[in-house]
Amino acid sequence: MQFVVLYTLGFLTFGFSLPMPREAGEISEKQWKEAQNYLNNFYASDTEEHASNFEDKIKKMQRFFGLRITGVLNPNIMEIMKQPRCGLPDIAPSGFTLIPGPKKWTSKIVTYRSVRVHCPLLDHK
């Protein structure tokens, strides 16, 4: 009886510690590592607690691109990862801004002037 309990606990511990399964072997080891690097660059977590949760990052990416949310890496997602990027994260971590400084216009007074520009092309008579 003790052997069965020990065997079951060992099996459950080992079974839950395995990496996320790939869909029918469609993703190679090289692609798997590329996906991990991509997700670490463009879907960085705000906290260390969730920094390595691969499935959550895949779900965020699927949600961002309007795909069916499964949390499983597949060839469709790999194709999206290979498309050209601008270099900015899709989902900005908290505190991330493109423009430094305040986000509000500080002055309520707007000044302007009209400048007369001389254009020789328009001077024909």
N, C-alpha and C. Protein backbone atom coordinates (compact mmCIF):
# COMPACT_ATOMS: atom_id res chain seq x y z
N MET A 1 0.82 -1.19 0.00
CA MET A 1 0.00 0.00 0.00
C MET A 1 0.87 1.26 0.00
N GLN A 2 1.91 1.25 0.83
CA GLN A 2 2.80 2.41 0.89
C GLN A 2 3.51 2.61 -0.45
N PHE A 3 3.83 1.50 -1.10
CA PHE A 3 4.51 1.58 -2.39
C PHE A 3 3.61 2.27 -3.42
N VAL A 4 2.33 1.97 -3.42
CA VAL A 4 1.39 2.57 -4.37
C VAL A 4 1.27 4.07 -4.11
N VAL A 5 1.19 4.48 -2.87
CA VAL A 5 1.10 5.89 -2.52
C VAL A 5 2.38 6.61 -2.93
N LEU A 6 3.53 6.01 -2.61
CA LEU A 6 4.81 6.61 -2.97
C LEU A 6 4.96 6.70 -4.48
N TYR A 7 4.57 5.66 -5.19
CA TYR A 7 4.64 5.65 -6.66
C TYR A 7 3.74 6.74 -7.25
N THR A 8 2.53 6.88 -6.72
CA THR A 8 1.59 7.89 -7.22
C THR A 8 2.12 9.30 -6.96
N LEU A 9 2.63 9.55 -5.78
CA LEU A 9 3.19 10.87 -5.47
C LEU A 9 4.39 11.19 -6.36
N GLY A 10 5.24 10.21 -6.56
CA GLY A 10 6.40 10.41 -7.45
C GLY A 10 5.97 10.68 -8.87
N PHE A 11 4.99 9.96 -9.35
CA PHE A 11 4.50 10.15 -10.72
C PHE A 11 3.88 11.54 -10.88
N LEU A 12 3.06 11.96 -9.91
CA LEU A 12 2.43 13.27 -9.99
C LEU A 12 3.47 14.39 -9.93
N THR A 13 4.46 14.24 -9.06
CA THR A 13 5.51 15.26 -8.96
C THR A 13 6.27 15.37 -10.27
N PHE A 14 6.65 14.24 -10.83
CA PHE A 14 7.39 14.24 -12.10
C PHE A 14 6.51 14.73 -13.24
N GLY A 15 5.27 14.33 -13.27
CA GLY A 15 4.36 14.71 -14.35
C GLY A 15 4.09 16.19 -14.41
N PHE A 16 3.97 16.85 -13.26
CA PHE A 16 3.70 18.28 -13.25
C PHE A 16 4.95 19.12 -13.43
N SER A 17 6.12 18.51 -13.33
CA SER A 17 7.35 19.27 -13.49
C SER A 17 7.87 19.27 -14.93
N LEU A 18 7.20 18.56 -15.81
CA LEU A 18 7.63 18.52 -17.22
C LEU A 18 7.30 19.83 -17.92
N PRO A 19 8.07 20.19 -18.96
CA PRO A 19 7.74 21.40 -19.71
C PRO A 19 6.43 21.25 -20.46
N MET A 20 5.89 22.38 -20.92
CA MET A 20 4.63 22.37 -21.64
C MET A 20 4.75 21.52 -22.91
N PRO A 21 3.80 20.62 -23.18
CA PRO A 21 3.91 19.76 -24.36
C PRO A 21 3.74 20.55 -25.65
N ARG A 22 4.42 20.08 -26.67
CA ARG A 22 4.30 20.68 -27.99
C ARG A 22 3.20 19.98 -28.75
N GLU A 23 2.59 20.67 -29.68
CA GLU A 23 1.50 20.09 -30.46
C GLU A 23 2.05 19.14 -31.51
N ALA A 24 1.91 17.86 -31.27
CA ALA A 24 2.25 16.79 -32.22
C ALA A 24 3.64 16.95 -32.81
N GLY A 25 4.59 17.48 -32.02
CA GLY A 25 5.96 17.60 -32.49
C GLY A 25 6.15 18.58 -33.64
N GLU A 26 5.24 19.54 -33.80
CA GLU A 26 5.33 20.49 -34.91
C GLU A 26 6.40 21.55 -34.68
N ILE A 27 6.83 21.76 -33.46
CA ILE A 27 7.78 22.81 -33.12
C ILE A 27 9.12 22.16 -32.77
N SER A 28 10.18 22.59 -33.46
CA SER A 28 11.51 22.04 -33.19
C SER A 28 12.10 22.68 -31.93
N GLU A 29 13.17 22.10 -31.45
CA GLU A 29 13.85 22.63 -30.26
C GLU A 29 14.37 24.04 -30.52
N LYS A 30 14.89 24.28 -31.72
CA LYS A 30 15.40 25.61 -32.09
C LYS A 30 14.26 26.64 -32.09
N GLN A 31 13.12 26.27 -32.66
CA GLN A 31 11.97 27.18 -32.69
C GLN A 31 11.46 27.45 -31.27
N TRP A 32 11.50 26.42 -30.44
CA TRP A 32 11.06 26.56 -29.05
C TRP A 32 11.89 27.61 -28.33
N LYS A 33 13.22 27.56 -28.52
CA LYS A 33 14.11 28.54 -27.88
C LYS A 33 13.91 29.93 -28.47
N GLU A 34 13.69 30.01 -29.79
CA GLU A 34 13.42 31.31 -30.42
C GLU A 34 12.15 31.93 -29.84
N ALA A 35 11.13 31.10 -29.64
CA ALA A 35 9.87 31.59 -29.07
C ALA A 35 10.08 32.11 -27.65
N GLN A 36 10.87 31.40 -26.87
CA GLN A 36 11.15 31.85 -25.50
C GLN A 36 11.87 33.20 -25.50
N ASN A 37 12.86 33.35 -26.39
CA ASN A 37 13.58 34.63 -26.48
C ASN A 37 12.64 35.75 -26.92
N TYR A 38 11.80 35.47 -27.91
CA TYR A 38 10.85 36.47 -28.42
C TYR A 38 9.91 36.93 -27.30
N LEU A 39 9.36 35.97 -26.59
CA LEU A 39 8.41 36.31 -25.52
C LEU A 39 9.09 37.06 -24.38
N ASN A 40 10.34 36.74 -24.09
CA ASN A 40 11.06 37.47 -23.05
C ASN A 40 11.34 38.91 -23.48
N ASN A 41 11.55 39.14 -24.79
CA ASN A 41 11.82 40.49 -25.28
C ASN A 41 10.56 41.33 -25.40
N PHE A 42 9.49 40.77 -25.94
CA PHE A 42 8.30 41.55 -26.27
C PHE A 42 7.14 41.39 -25.30
N TYR A 43 7.21 40.43 -24.41
CA TYR A 43 6.15 40.22 -23.42
C TYR A 43 6.76 40.05 -22.04
N ALA A 44 7.60 41.00 -21.66
CA ALA A 44 8.26 40.94 -20.36
C ALA A 44 7.23 41.14 -19.25
N SER A 45 7.46 40.46 -18.14
CA SER A 45 6.55 40.57 -17.00
C SER A 45 6.99 41.68 -16.07
N ASP A 46 6.03 42.26 -15.36
CA ASP A 46 6.33 43.31 -14.40
C ASP A 46 6.96 42.75 -13.13
N THR A 47 6.62 41.53 -12.79
CA THR A 47 7.10 40.95 -11.55
C THR A 47 7.92 39.70 -11.83
N GLU A 48 8.82 39.40 -10.93
CA GLU A 48 9.65 38.20 -11.06
C GLU A 48 8.80 36.93 -10.94
N GLU A 49 7.70 37.03 -10.20
CA GLU A 49 6.85 35.86 -9.97
C GLU A 49 6.34 35.27 -11.27
N HIS A 50 5.99 36.14 -12.22
CA HIS A 50 5.43 35.67 -13.49
C HIS A 50 6.44 35.74 -14.63
N ALA A 51 7.70 35.98 -14.32
CA ALA A 51 8.69 36.21 -15.37
C ALA A 51 8.90 34.98 -16.25
N SER A 52 8.72 33.79 -15.73
CA SER A 52 9.02 32.61 -16.52
C SER A 52 7.77 31.83 -16.93
N ASN A 53 6.59 32.39 -16.79
CA ASN A 53 5.37 31.67 -17.13
C ASN A 53 5.13 31.75 -18.63
N PHE A 54 5.60 30.74 -19.33
CA PHE A 54 5.56 30.69 -20.79
C PHE A 54 4.13 30.68 -21.31
N GLU A 55 3.27 29.92 -20.69
CA GLU A 55 1.88 29.78 -21.15
C GLU A 55 1.13 31.11 -21.07
N ASP A 56 1.34 31.87 -19.99
CA ASP A 56 0.68 33.17 -19.86
C ASP A 56 1.14 34.15 -20.93
N LYS A 57 2.42 34.10 -21.26
CA LYS A 57 2.95 34.99 -22.31
C LYS A 57 2.37 34.63 -23.67
N ILE A 58 2.22 33.33 -23.94
CA ILE A 58 1.61 32.90 -25.21
C ILE A 58 0.16 33.38 -25.25
N LYS A 59 -0.56 33.28 -24.14
CA LYS A 59 -1.95 33.74 -24.10
C LYS A 59 -2.05 35.25 -24.35
N LYS A 60 -1.12 36.02 -23.76
CA LYS A 60 -1.11 37.47 -23.99
C LYS A 60 -0.89 37.77 -25.47
N MET A 61 0.03 37.04 -26.08
CA MET A 61 0.32 37.25 -27.50
C MET A 61 -0.89 36.89 -28.35
N GLN A 62 -1.53 35.77 -28.05
CA GLN A 62 -2.71 35.36 -28.81
C GLN A 62 -3.83 36.39 -28.66
N ARG A 63 -4.02 36.92 -27.47
CA ARG A 63 -5.04 37.94 -27.23
C ARG A 63 -4.71 39.21 -28.02
N PHE A 64 -3.44 39.62 -28.02
CA PHE A 64 -3.02 40.84 -28.71
C PHE A 64 -3.25 40.73 -30.22
N PHE A 65 -2.97 39.57 -30.80
CA PHE A 65 -3.10 39.40 -32.25
C PHE A 65 -4.48 38.87 -32.66
N GLY A 66 -5.40 38.72 -31.72
CA GLY A 66 -6.76 38.31 -32.05
C GLY A 66 -6.87 36.84 -32.44
N LEU A 67 -5.99 36.02 -31.91
CA LEU A 67 -6.03 34.58 -32.19
C LEU A 67 -6.84 33.87 -31.12
N ARG A 68 -7.16 32.60 -31.41
CA ARG A 68 -7.85 31.78 -30.41
C ARG A 68 -6.89 31.55 -29.25
N ILE A 69 -7.34 31.83 -28.04
CA ILE A 69 -6.47 31.77 -26.86
C ILE A 69 -6.41 30.35 -26.33
N THR A 70 -5.26 29.71 -26.54
CA THR A 70 -5.04 28.35 -26.06
C THR A 70 -3.88 28.27 -25.08
N GLY A 71 -2.91 29.16 -25.22
CA GLY A 71 -1.71 29.10 -24.39
C GLY A 71 -0.71 28.08 -24.88
N VAL A 72 -0.92 27.56 -26.10
CA VAL A 72 -0.04 26.53 -26.66
C VAL A 72 0.70 27.11 -27.86
N LEU A 73 2.00 26.88 -27.90
CA LEU A 73 2.82 27.33 -29.02
C LEU A 73 2.52 26.47 -30.23
N ASN A 74 2.22 27.12 -31.37
CA ASN A 74 1.95 26.38 -32.60
C ASN A 74 2.58 27.09 -33.79
N PRO A 75 2.58 26.48 -34.98
CA PRO A 75 3.23 27.09 -36.15
C PRO A 75 2.66 28.46 -36.53
N ASN A 76 1.36 28.70 -36.32
CA ASN A 76 0.79 30.01 -36.63
C ASN A 76 1.44 31.11 -35.79
N ILE A 77 1.65 30.84 -34.53
CA ILE A 77 2.28 31.82 -33.65
C ILE A 77 3.74 32.02 -34.06
N MET A 78 4.40 30.94 -34.46
CA MET A 78 5.79 31.06 -34.91
C MET A 78 5.89 31.95 -36.14
N GLU A 79 4.93 31.87 -37.04
CA GLU A 79 4.93 32.73 -38.24
C GLU A 79 4.77 34.20 -37.85
N ILE A 80 3.92 34.47 -36.88
CA ILE A 80 3.74 35.85 -36.42
C ILE A 80 5.03 36.36 -35.78
N MET A 81 5.73 35.50 -35.05
CA MET A 81 6.97 35.90 -34.41
C MET A 81 8.06 36.24 -35.42
N LYS A 82 7.99 35.66 -36.60
CA LYS A 82 9.02 35.89 -37.63
C LYS A 82 8.77 37.15 -38.44
N GLN A 83 7.61 37.78 -38.29
CA GLN A 83 7.32 39.00 -39.04
C GLN A 83 8.17 40.15 -38.52
N PRO A 84 8.47 41.14 -39.39
CA PRO A 84 9.29 42.29 -38.96
C PRO A 84 8.64 43.04 -37.80
N ARG A 85 9.48 43.55 -36.91
CA ARG A 85 9.02 44.23 -35.70
C ARG A 85 9.59 45.63 -35.63
N CYS A 86 8.93 46.49 -34.90
CA CYS A 86 9.44 47.85 -34.70
C CYS A 86 10.41 47.90 -33.52
N GLY A 87 10.45 46.88 -32.71
CA GLY A 87 11.36 46.84 -31.58
C GLY A 87 10.74 47.20 -30.24
N LEU A 88 9.51 47.69 -30.26
CA LEU A 88 8.83 48.03 -29.01
C LEU A 88 7.97 46.85 -28.55
N PRO A 89 7.77 46.69 -27.25
CA PRO A 89 6.93 45.60 -26.77
C PRO A 89 5.48 45.80 -27.18
N ASP A 90 4.78 44.70 -27.45
CA ASP A 90 3.36 44.77 -27.81
C ASP A 90 2.53 45.25 -26.63
N ILE A 91 2.82 44.72 -25.49
CA ILE A 91 2.11 45.09 -24.27
C ILE A 91 3.14 45.73 -23.35
N ALA A 92 3.01 47.02 -23.14
CA ALA A 92 4.00 47.77 -22.37
C ALA A 92 3.91 47.42 -20.90
N PRO A 93 5.06 47.17 -20.27
CA PRO A 93 5.05 46.97 -18.83
C PRO A 93 4.67 48.28 -18.13
N SER A 94 4.22 48.18 -16.90
CA SER A 94 3.81 49.40 -16.20
C SER A 94 5.00 50.34 -16.06
N GLY A 95 4.74 51.62 -16.27
CA GLY A 95 5.80 52.61 -16.19
C GLY A 95 6.51 52.86 -17.51
N PHE A 96 6.18 52.11 -18.54
CA PHE A 96 6.83 52.26 -19.85
C PHE A 96 6.16 53.39 -20.62
N THR A 97 6.93 54.38 -21.07
CA THR A 97 6.39 55.46 -21.88
C THR A 97 7.31 55.73 -23.06
N LEU A 98 6.74 56.22 -24.13
CA LEU A 98 7.52 56.60 -25.30
C LEU A 98 8.02 58.03 -25.18
N ILE A 99 7.28 58.87 -24.46
CA ILE A 99 7.61 60.28 -24.33
C ILE A 99 7.94 60.57 -22.87
N PRO A 100 9.15 61.02 -22.58
CA PRO A 100 9.48 61.34 -21.19
C PRO A 100 8.79 62.62 -20.75
N GLY A 101 8.62 62.77 -19.46
CA GLY A 101 8.02 63.99 -18.93
C GLY A 101 6.53 63.86 -18.73
N PRO A 102 5.89 64.99 -18.40
CA PRO A 102 4.45 64.95 -18.12
C PRO A 102 3.63 64.67 -19.38
N LYS A 103 2.49 64.03 -19.19
CA LYS A 103 1.63 63.67 -20.31
C LYS A 103 0.55 64.74 -20.55
N LYS A 104 0.62 65.82 -19.82
CA LYS A 104 -0.39 66.86 -19.92
C LYS A 104 0.26 68.15 -20.41
N TRP A 105 -0.44 68.88 -21.26
CA TRP A 105 0.03 70.18 -21.73
C TRP A 105 0.03 71.11 -20.53
N THR A 106 1.16 71.72 -20.24
CA THR A 106 1.27 72.51 -19.01
C THR A 106 0.73 73.93 -19.14
N SER A 107 0.67 74.46 -20.34
CA SER A 107 0.21 75.83 -20.53
C SER A 107 -1.21 75.85 -21.10
N LYS A 108 -2.01 76.80 -20.64
CA LYS A 108 -3.36 76.94 -21.17
C LYS A 108 -3.44 78.06 -22.21
N ILE A 109 -2.32 78.73 -22.44
CA ILE A 109 -2.27 79.83 -23.41
C ILE A 109 -1.55 79.33 -24.66
N VAL A 110 -2.18 79.53 -25.79
CA VAL A 110 -1.58 79.12 -27.06
C VAL A 110 -1.25 80.38 -27.85
N THR A 111 -0.02 80.49 -28.28
CA THR A 111 0.37 81.63 -29.11
C THR A 111 0.74 81.12 -30.49
N TYR A 112 0.56 81.98 -31.46
CA TYR A 112 0.92 81.61 -32.83
C TYR A 112 1.25 82.86 -33.61
N ARG A 113 1.83 82.69 -34.76
CA ARG A 113 2.06 83.81 -35.66
C ARG A 113 1.95 83.31 -37.08
N SER A 114 1.59 84.18 -37.93
CA SER A 114 1.46 83.86 -39.34
C SER A 114 2.67 84.44 -40.05
N VAL A 115 3.35 83.63 -40.81
CA VAL A 115 4.55 84.06 -41.51
C VAL A 115 4.27 84.04 -43.00
N ARG A 116 4.57 85.16 -43.64
CA ARG A 116 4.38 85.23 -45.08
C ARG A 116 5.64 84.67 -45.73
N VAL A 117 5.48 83.63 -46.49
CA VAL A 117 6.60 82.97 -47.14
C VAL A 117 6.63 83.39 -48.60
N HIS A 118 7.79 83.83 -49.05
CA HIS A 118 7.95 84.21 -50.46
C HIS A 118 8.27 82.96 -51.26
N CYS A 119 7.47 82.71 -52.27
CA CYS A 119 7.68 81.55 -53.13
C CYS A 119 7.79 82.04 -54.57
N PRO A 120 8.97 81.97 -55.18
CA PRO A 120 9.13 82.48 -56.54
C PRO A 120 8.26 81.76 -57.56
N LEU A 121 7.88 80.55 -57.32
CA LEU A 121 7.06 79.81 -58.27
C LEU A 121 5.65 80.38 -58.37
N LEU A 122 5.18 81.01 -57.31
CA LEU A 122 3.83 81.56 -57.31
C LEU A 122 3.77 83.02 -57.78
N ASP A 123 4.93 83.64 -58.04
CA ASP A 123 4.98 85.05 -58.43
C ASP A 123 4.75 85.29 -59.92
N HIS A 124 4.44 84.30 -60.69
CA HIS A 124 4.26 84.54 -62.13
C HIS A 124 2.99 85.36 -62.36
N LYS A 125 3.08 86.33 -63.28
CA LYS A 125 1.94 87.23 -63.52
C LYS A 125 1.44 87.11 -64.91
